[in-house]
Amino acid sequence: MAKMTLDQLRALRAQKQEELETRNVEGKDIQLIVGMGTCGIAAGAKQTFDAIVAALEKHKLANKVVVRQTGCMGLCYVEPTVEVIMPDMPPVIYGKMTSDVAEELVVKHLIEHSLLDNHIFDKPAIDIAKH
């Protein structure tokens, strides 16, 4: 391995600190929970997870949103699944959330505050959901 200059070391430290900050949960009230059980992983949940993180970075939301992993959510037939929890919106579990849909999830749900109706597989009863 080649020796690094002091400036290169400082740049590397700054990059790593920024990466750690995106994992910090303090002050973040929006959560995206990706089902990463074996069924989800087999259906492409890892690629979905990565695409969500990339979309959050693209829209400068990475420091405002916690992206977590969980095991199987019990909706194996619609994997990959993503649960979205955010203020002033009903908690929703989306299914068939491929990496191609990650951008739409970030834009429509997180930025525009609207639901992705064609991907909803679990949400509260209509009388408690505000549209």
Protein backbone atom coordinates (compact mmCIF):
# COMPACT_ATOMS: atom_id res chain seq x y z
CA MET A 1 0.00 0.00 0.00
CA ALA A 2 1.33 3.40 -0.96
CA LYS A 3 1.94 6.02 1.72
CA MET A 4 -0.72 8.67 2.12
CA THR A 5 -0.10 12.36 2.49
CA LEU A 6 -1.51 14.33 5.41
CA ASP A 7 -4.12 15.90 3.12
CA GLN A 8 -5.19 12.47 1.86
CA LEU A 9 -5.52 11.22 5.44
CA ARG A 10 -7.63 14.25 6.37
CA ALA A 11 -9.87 13.71 3.34
CA LEU A 12 -10.27 10.03 4.23
CA ARG A 13 -11.14 10.91 7.84
CA ALA A 14 -13.74 13.46 6.68
CA GLN A 15 -15.28 10.91 4.31
CA LYS A 16 -15.50 8.25 7.03
CA GLN A 17 -16.99 10.73 9.53
CA GLU A 18 -19.65 11.66 6.97
CA GLU A 19 -20.45 7.97 6.42
CA LEU A 20 -20.80 7.44 10.16
CA GLU A 21 -23.07 10.48 10.47
CA THR A 22 -25.54 8.99 7.98
CA ARG A 23 -25.91 6.00 10.35
CA ASN A 24 -26.57 8.20 13.40
CA VAL A 25 -30.23 8.03 14.50
CA GLU A 26 -30.20 11.22 16.61
CA GLY A 27 -32.69 13.80 15.35
CA LYS A 28 -34.05 11.62 12.55
CA ASP A 29 -37.78 11.00 12.72
CA ILE A 30 -38.21 9.27 9.37
CA GLN A 31 -37.48 5.55 9.19
CA LEU A 32 -37.25 3.21 6.21
CA ILE A 33 -37.13 -0.43 7.29
CA VAL A 34 -36.12 -2.93 4.61
CA GLY A 35 -37.07 -6.60 5.05
CA MET A 36 -33.80 -8.51 4.79
CA GLY A 37 -34.86 -12.04 5.70
CA THR A 38 -33.73 -14.80 3.36
CA CYS A 39 -36.91 -14.36 1.32
CA GLY A 40 -36.24 -10.63 0.92
CA ILE A 41 -32.58 -11.06 0.05
CA ALA A 42 -33.47 -13.70 -2.54
CA ALA A 43 -35.97 -11.27 -4.07
CA GLY A 44 -33.42 -8.43 -4.30
CA ALA A 45 -33.74 -6.58 -0.99
CA LYS A 46 -29.99 -5.84 -0.83
CA GLN A 47 -30.14 -4.06 -4.20
CA THR A 48 -33.30 -2.23 -3.04
CA PHE A 49 -31.56 -1.16 0.18
CA ASP A 50 -28.57 0.18 -1.79
CA ALA A 51 -30.83 1.98 -4.27
CA ILE A 52 -32.79 3.63 -1.43
CA VAL A 53 -29.56 4.85 0.18
CA ALA A 54 -28.39 6.21 -3.20
CA ALA A 55 -31.72 7.98 -3.79
CA LEU A 56 -31.59 9.54 -0.32
CA GLU A 57 -28.08 10.81 -1.02
CA LYS A 58 -29.15 12.14 -4.44
CA HIS A 59 -32.00 14.13 -2.87
CA LYS A 60 -29.87 15.22 0.10
CA LEU A 61 -32.05 13.36 2.62
CA ALA A 62 -29.45 10.91 3.94
CA ASN A 63 -28.93 12.95 7.11
CA LYS A 64 -32.68 13.12 7.79
CA VAL A 65 -33.70 9.49 7.31
CA VAL A 66 -32.76 6.30 9.15
CA VAL A 67 -32.52 3.26 6.89
CA ARG A 68 -32.69 0.01 8.85
CA GLN A 69 -32.76 -3.69 8.13
CA THR A 70 -35.09 -6.23 9.69
CA GLY A 71 -35.91 -9.87 9.19
CA CYS A 72 -38.90 -11.22 7.30
CA MET A 73 -42.04 -9.08 7.65
CA GLY A 74 -44.33 -12.00 6.83
CA LEU A 75 -45.19 -10.75 3.36
CA CYS A 76 -42.87 -13.12 1.49
CA TYR A 77 -45.07 -13.19 -1.60
CA VAL A 78 -44.43 -9.46 -2.25
CA GLU A 79 -40.74 -9.20 -1.33
CA PRO A 80 -38.75 -6.98 -1.23
CA THR A 81 -40.73 -5.11 1.43
CA VAL A 82 -40.07 -1.66 2.90
CA GLU A 83 -41.86 -0.12 5.86
CA VAL A 84 -41.99 3.68 5.96
CA ILE A 85 -42.58 5.52 9.22
CA MET A 86 -42.69 9.30 9.18
CA PRO A 87 -44.54 12.10 10.98
CA ASP A 88 -47.93 13.19 9.64
CA MET A 89 -48.23 10.08 7.44
CA PRO A 90 -49.65 6.65 8.23
CA PRO A 91 -47.06 3.89 8.67
CA VAL A 92 -47.05 1.88 5.44
CA ILE A 93 -45.52 -1.39 4.30
CA TYR A 94 -44.76 -1.40 0.60
CA GLY A 95 -44.21 -4.61 -1.35
CA LYS A 96 -42.50 -5.45 -4.63
CA MET A 97 -40.03 -2.65 -3.87
CA THR A 98 -37.31 -3.37 -6.39
CA SER A 99 -34.31 -1.13 -6.82
CA ASP A 100 -36.12 0.44 -9.78
CA VAL A 101 -38.85 1.74 -7.43
CA ALA A 102 -36.48 3.22 -4.82
CA GLU A 103 -36.33 6.63 -6.48
CA GLU A 104 -40.13 6.78 -6.71
CA LEU A 105 -40.41 5.88 -3.01
CA VAL A 106 -38.07 8.68 -1.96
CA VAL A 107 -39.66 11.30 -4.21
CA LYS A 108 -43.35 10.47 -3.79
CA HIS A 109 -43.53 9.36 -0.17
CA LEU A 110 -40.73 11.29 1.53
CA ILE A 111 -40.68 14.51 -0.49
CA GLU A 112 -44.22 14.83 -1.91
CA HIS A 113 -45.96 13.12 1.07
CA SER A 114 -48.12 10.90 -1.12
CA LEU A 115 -48.56 7.13 -1.03
CA LEU A 116 -47.43 4.72 -3.74
CA ASP A 117 -50.85 3.08 -4.05
CA ASN A 118 -49.73 0.32 -6.42
CA HIS A 119 -47.14 -0.95 -3.89
CA ILE A 120 -49.09 -0.77 -0.60
CA PHE A 121 -49.56 -4.14 1.07
CA ASP A 122 -50.23 -3.04 4.63
CA LYS A 123 -51.50 0.26 6.03
CA PRO A 124 -53.87 1.46 8.75
CA ALA A 125 -57.63 1.41 8.30
CA ILE A 126 -58.94 4.15 6.02
CA ASP A 127 -60.71 5.93 8.89
CA ILE A 128 -57.37 6.72 10.59
CA ALA A 129 -55.27 7.39 7.47
CA LYS A 130 -55.11 10.98 6.27
CA HIS A 131 -54.84 11.38 2.51
